[in-house]
């Protein structure tokens, strides 16, 4: 398997085992997509308004930790209900049985996942409440996203010193963290180099890493996919956990990061449903 993998410009090519999917007729797919798209836009606008109001009030009447707890519950429920409606409508089918036994809310852990599409974080927030997300620094330039991120105590992935300090504080409070170590979306047949930030946290705080593999039978919301472009429906998404990974004694951040990436390179094609 590994012998057939090629690396181009630092990206790993992963064999795509997806078989031809069974889709709805074109007319039904288009109607369902655009109805769901309208719901998606309306739901998000309403959610951002609620977040803006709650965060504005919370900064005056609640502690940072209390705001983090309330935000974690809200974000979890927000995305959980969104995907419940999306599944009920037939837009998407999500198989999360592979996540059984994982409970980041009750333990200090770092959930690390591959990042094939725009809604990966939302998928995991819908499954796991209360996680602190490491966000792409550029997203903090958006006023509404910045407001929501600060309310939820999300952490920008740059500058490095700020990231290390704030993530360390969250782990010291026995919190859980969600990271996409590629730092950006990758195509379904590629894997970008991992940031050493995940290795820094794993080695410095001796925090276990819980790998999560995200699979989709569609290229919907991958990098370069227009939001208004209708995919073949339904979309099937599968979430599977890997084996817990921990830093070895004396292992450096760079060494652990490289070992974790090798693990993802080996397991992503093997675990694909």
Foldseek 3Di string as FASTA:
>chain_A
DVVPWDDDPQKIFADDPQDDDDFDPPVVLLVLLVVLLVVVVVLVVVVLVVLLVCLVVCVVPHDLVVLLQVLQVSLLVSLLVSVVVCVVSQQEAEAEPQCPPDAQAVFQAEEEEAAFFDCPVSVVSPVYTRAAEAAAQVLCVDPSSVSSNSSNLHHYPDDPVRRLVSVVVCSVVRHYYYYHQLSAHDHPRIGHQGDLSVLVCQVVVQHKYKYKYKDKSWSPRGPPHDVSDGTGDRIYIYIHIDDIDGDDVPDHSVRSSVVVVVVCSVVRNVVDD
